Amino acid sequence: MEDRGYILVLEYIKELIISGNLSVGDKLPTERKLSETLSLSRNTIRDAIRIMGSMGFIESRQGSGNYLSNKISGNISATINFMLLLEQSNFTEINQIRRAIALECFRHVFTKCTDREIKLLQKVVTKMEQCHRESHYDKLFHDIILHISQNKLMISMMNALSNVCCTLIDNIFSSATAETKNTIINSHKEILNCIINRNELAGYAAINHHYDLVDKEILKWKAVL
């Protein structure tokens, strides 16, 4: 497929979105309609849709058609996983990006966080202390803070990075000593207390402390591979 054909299809779909004629979850025009509208072959249209599908922009449903999708974070996860496989990145670098996003999200906590969200964070920390699903509640804790930011790009990026790191975080908690687990859980409590007390500077320090702990566990994990 020529690049020009793909670009024409992409630009046309962008125009439909901008004009308000296409939103996430909506069905795209048929391949035949796109072919007639853009004066491109059906094969070119099909190839363009396949490429956009691999990027997470379009979802093809058997027997139903093609729909505009927002599953972009899955594509980002796949790219990062492949970079790990090719040793073009590592979990330490990934954790650096997660730290940066977490710190940026924290800037918005005090202006956007509701009492309900604070209560949710308190429940999550309590659950983390009481049960053996620490990695699940660890992710939930950070997801709540992430969504408080209301930054869709950061949410997509962090979701992608979390998907890549889920096995790593599971391993960290499953192999950690009781003392290490308590230290990590307490780092969440420190972040939460800073939110409750509206102590922004201490909050940044608490987030850095949390990700320092994760870095330390990553180094331990790498040492036994």
Protein backbone atom coordinates (compact mmCIF):
# COMPACT_ATOMS: atom_id res chain seq x y z
CA MET A 1 0.00 0.00 0.00
CA GLU A 2 1.28 3.46 -0.88
CA ASP A 3 1.86 5.83 2.03
CA ARG A 4 -0.29 8.42 0.27
CA GLY A 5 -3.30 6.07 0.37
CA TYR A 6 -2.92 5.47 4.11
CA ILE A 7 -2.54 9.20 4.77
CA LEU A 8 -5.69 9.99 2.77
CA VAL A 9 -7.72 7.49 4.81
CA LEU A 10 -6.27 8.76 8.11
CA GLU A 11 -6.93 12.40 7.21
CA TYR A 12 -10.50 11.63 6.17
CA ILE A 13 -11.21 9.87 9.47
CA LYS A 14 -9.65 12.82 11.33
CA GLU A 15 -12.00 15.16 9.45
CA LEU A 16 -15.00 13.06 10.48
CA ILE A 17 -13.89 13.24 14.12
CA ILE A 18 -13.25 17.01 14.02
CA SER A 19 -16.62 17.67 12.38
CA GLY A 20 -18.37 15.66 15.06
CA ASN A 21 -19.55 12.98 12.64
CA LEU A 22 -17.46 10.25 14.25
CA SER A 23 -16.77 9.50 17.92
CA VAL A 24 -15.22 6.65 19.90
CA GLY A 25 -17.44 3.59 19.53
CA ASP A 26 -19.04 4.78 16.29
CA LYS A 27 -19.04 2.65 13.18
CA LEU A 28 -16.82 3.81 10.32
CA PRO A 29 -18.14 4.16 6.78
CA THR A 30 -17.91 0.85 4.89
CA GLU A 31 -14.80 0.01 2.90
CA ARG A 32 -16.87 0.45 -0.24
CA LYS A 33 -18.02 3.92 0.84
CA LEU A 34 -14.49 4.96 1.77
CA SER A 35 -13.22 3.63 -1.56
CA GLU A 36 -15.78 5.68 -3.50
CA THR A 37 -15.30 8.83 -1.40
CA LEU A 38 -11.49 8.82 -1.55
CA SER A 39 -11.09 7.27 -5.03
CA LEU A 40 -8.89 4.53 -3.62
CA SER A 41 -8.98 0.78 -4.19
CA ARG A 42 -10.71 -1.47 -1.68
CA ASN A 43 -7.35 -3.15 -0.98
CA THR A 44 -5.78 0.19 -0.11
CA ILE A 45 -8.68 1.02 2.23
CA ARG A 46 -8.45 -2.42 3.83
CA ASP A 47 -4.69 -2.12 4.36
CA ALA A 48 -5.07 1.36 5.87
CA ILE A 49 -7.73 0.12 8.30
CA ARG A 50 -5.52 -2.83 9.23
CA ILE A 51 -2.62 -0.48 10.06
CA MET A 52 -4.84 1.80 12.15
CA GLY A 53 -6.23 -1.27 13.88
CA SER A 54 -2.71 -2.35 14.89
CA MET A 55 -2.21 1.14 16.32
CA GLY A 56 -5.34 0.84 18.47
CA PHE A 57 -7.38 3.47 16.60
CA ILE A 58 -9.83 1.09 14.94
CA GLU A 59 -11.51 -2.10 16.11
CA SER A 60 -12.73 -4.58 13.50
CA ARG A 61 -15.73 -6.69 14.51
CA GLN A 62 -16.39 -9.83 12.50
CA GLY A 63 -19.58 -9.49 10.48
CA SER A 64 -20.28 -6.01 11.85
CA GLY A 65 -17.70 -3.61 10.47
CA ASN A 66 -15.01 -1.25 11.73
CA TYR A 67 -15.39 1.01 14.75
CA LEU A 68 -13.41 3.95 16.08
CA SER A 69 -11.51 2.77 19.15
CA ASN A 70 -9.39 4.28 21.90
CA LYS A 71 -7.36 1.17 22.77
CA ILE A 72 -4.13 3.02 22.11
CA SER A 73 -2.52 2.11 25.44
CA GLY A 74 -2.49 -1.56 24.38
CA ASN A 75 -0.40 -0.66 21.36
CA ILE A 76 1.99 1.38 23.52
CA SER A 77 2.33 -1.60 25.88
CA ALA A 78 3.14 -3.91 22.96
CA THR A 79 5.81 -1.49 21.71
CA ILE A 80 7.43 -1.18 25.15
CA ASN A 81 7.35 -4.96 25.65
CA PHE A 82 9.13 -5.39 22.33
CA MET A 83 11.72 -2.79 23.36
CA LEU A 84 12.33 -4.80 26.53
CA LEU A 85 12.71 -7.95 24.48
CA LEU A 86 15.26 -6.26 22.22
CA GLU A 87 17.01 -4.76 25.28
CA GLN A 88 16.32 -1.24 24.01
CA SER A 89 14.87 -0.32 27.41
CA ASN A 90 14.55 -1.78 30.91
CA PHE A 91 12.29 -1.66 33.95
CA THR A 92 14.42 0.99 35.64
CA GLU A 93 13.80 3.35 32.71
CA ILE A 94 10.11 2.47 32.71
CA ASN A 95 9.92 3.26 36.41
CA GLN A 96 11.52 6.65 35.73
CA ILE A 97 8.67 7.49 33.36
CA ARG A 98 6.08 6.21 35.84
CA ARG A 99 7.66 8.40 38.54
CA ALA A 100 7.56 11.49 36.30
CA ILE A 101 3.88 10.96 35.46
CA ALA A 102 3.00 10.33 39.13
CA LEU A 103 4.72 13.55 40.18
CA GLU A 104 2.92 15.54 37.51
CA CYS A 105 -0.44 14.00 38.46
CA PHE A 106 0.17 14.94 42.08
CA ARG A 107 0.21 18.63 41.09
CA HIS A 108 -3.51 18.40 40.38
CA VAL A 109 -4.55 16.46 43.50
CA PHE A 110 -5.29 19.43 45.76
CA THR A 111 -7.45 21.31 43.25
CA LYS A 112 -9.34 18.32 41.84
CA CYS A 113 -9.47 15.65 44.54
CA THR A 114 -12.89 15.10 46.13
CA ASP A 115 -13.78 13.78 49.59
CA ARG A 116 -15.09 10.64 47.90
CA GLU A 117 -11.73 10.01 46.23
CA ILE A 118 -9.89 10.49 49.52
CA LYS A 119 -12.19 7.93 51.14
CA LEU A 120 -11.52 5.53 48.25
CA LEU A 121 -7.77 5.94 48.72
CA GLN A 122 -8.17 5.26 52.46
CA LYS A 123 -10.14 2.08 51.74
CA VAL A 124 -7.53 0.91 49.23
CA VAL A 125 -4.69 1.38 51.70
CA THR A 126 -6.68 -0.48 54.37
CA LYS A 127 -7.29 -3.36 51.94
CA MET A 128 -3.60 -3.40 51.07
CA GLU A 129 -2.77 -3.87 54.75
CA GLN A 130 -5.40 -6.56 55.33
CA CYS A 131 -5.13 -8.93 52.39
CA HIS A 132 -2.67 -10.70 50.10
CA ARG A 133 -3.60 -8.85 46.90
CA GLU A 134 -1.10 -6.05 47.46
CA SER A 135 -0.21 -5.61 43.79
CA HIS A 136 -3.90 -5.23 42.86
CA TYR A 137 -4.48 -2.50 45.42
CA ASP A 138 -1.14 -0.88 44.64
CA LYS A 139 -2.33 -0.38 41.05
CA LEU A 140 -5.77 0.78 42.20
CA PHE A 141 -4.20 3.37 44.51
CA HIS A 142 -2.13 4.88 41.71
CA ASP A 143 -5.03 4.65 39.25
CA ILE A 144 -7.22 6.78 41.51
CA ILE A 145 -4.56 9.51 41.76
CA LEU A 146 -3.96 9.23 38.02
CA HIS A 147 -7.63 9.78 37.19
CA ILE A 148 -7.82 12.77 39.52
CA SER A 149 -5.45 14.54 37.09
CA GLN A 150 -8.03 14.15 34.28
CA ASN A 151 -5.12 14.16 31.79
CA LYS A 152 -6.15 11.59 29.19
CA LEU A 153 -2.70 11.27 27.64
CA MET A 154 -1.02 10.64 30.99
CA ILE A 155 -3.75 8.11 31.84
CA SER A 156 -3.14 6.24 28.56
CA MET A 157 0.63 6.31 29.03
CA MET A 158 0.50 5.16 32.65
CA ASN A 159 -2.00 2.40 31.82
CA ALA A 160 0.36 1.17 29.12
CA LEU A 161 3.34 1.23 31.48
CA SER A 162 1.33 -0.46 34.25
CA ASN A 163 0.35 -3.26 31.86
CA VAL A 164 4.03 -3.82 31.10
CA CYS A 165 4.97 -3.77 34.79
CA CYS A 166 2.09 -5.85 36.20
CA THR A 167 4.10 -9.11 36.35
CA LEU A 168 7.08 -7.27 37.82
CA ILE A 169 4.96 -5.69 40.57
CA ASP A 170 3.34 -9.07 41.30
CA ASN A 171 6.82 -10.59 41.67
CA ILE A 172 8.01 -7.77 43.90
CA PHE A 173 5.18 -8.30 46.37
CA SER A 174 5.18 -12.10 46.19
CA SER A 175 8.92 -12.37 46.84
CA ALA A 176 9.25 -9.49 49.31
CA THR A 177 9.79 -10.01 53.01
CA ALA A 178 7.09 -8.89 55.45
CA GLU A 179 9.29 -5.93 56.35
CA THR A 180 9.66 -4.85 52.71
CA LYS A 181 5.92 -5.19 52.11
CA ASN A 182 5.20 -3.03 55.14
CA THR A 183 7.68 -0.43 53.94
CA ILE A 184 6.04 -0.26 50.50
CA ILE A 185 2.53 -0.13 51.98
CA ASN A 186 3.63 2.62 54.37
CA SER A 187 4.89 4.62 51.39
CA HIS A 188 1.32 4.67 50.09
CA LYS A 189 0.12 5.81 53.51
CA GLU A 190 2.67 8.65 53.43
CA ILE A 191 1.33 9.83 50.07
CA LEU A 192 -2.25 9.61 51.33
CA ASN A 193 -1.47 11.54 54.52
CA CYS A 194 0.09 14.31 52.44
CA ILE A 195 -3.11 14.51 50.37
CA ILE A 196 -5.30 14.62 53.49
CA ASN A 197 -3.08 17.26 55.14
CA ARG A 198 -2.66 19.14 51.85
CA ASN A 199 1.11 19.09 52.20
CA GLU A 200 2.30 19.40 48.61
CA LEU A 201 6.07 19.44 49.13
CA ALA A 202 5.97 16.46 51.49
CA GLY A 203 3.76 14.72 48.93
CA TYR A 204 6.39 15.03 46.21
CA ALA A 205 8.97 13.63 48.63
CA ALA A 206 6.64 10.74 49.50
CA ILE A 207 6.10 9.87 45.83
CA ASN A 208 9.85 9.95 45.18
CA HIS A 209 10.39 7.73 48.22
CA HIS A 210 7.83 5.24 46.90
CA TYR A 211 9.46 5.01 43.48
CA ASP A 212 12.90 4.79 45.09
CA LEU A 213 11.63 1.68 46.86
CA VAL A 214 10.42 0.22 43.56
CA ASP A 215 13.81 0.99 41.96
CA LYS A 216 15.51 -0.84 44.81
CA GLU A 217 13.29 -3.91 44.32
CA ILE A 218 13.89 -3.85 40.55
CA LEU A 219 17.65 -4.03 41.18
CA LYS A 220 17.14 -6.99 43.53
CA TRP A 221 14.95 -8.72 40.93
CA LYS A 222 17.52 -8.16 38.17
CA ALA A 223 20.31 -9.51 40.37
CA VAL A 224 18.70 -12.97 40.59
CA LEU A 225 17.97 -13.33 36.87
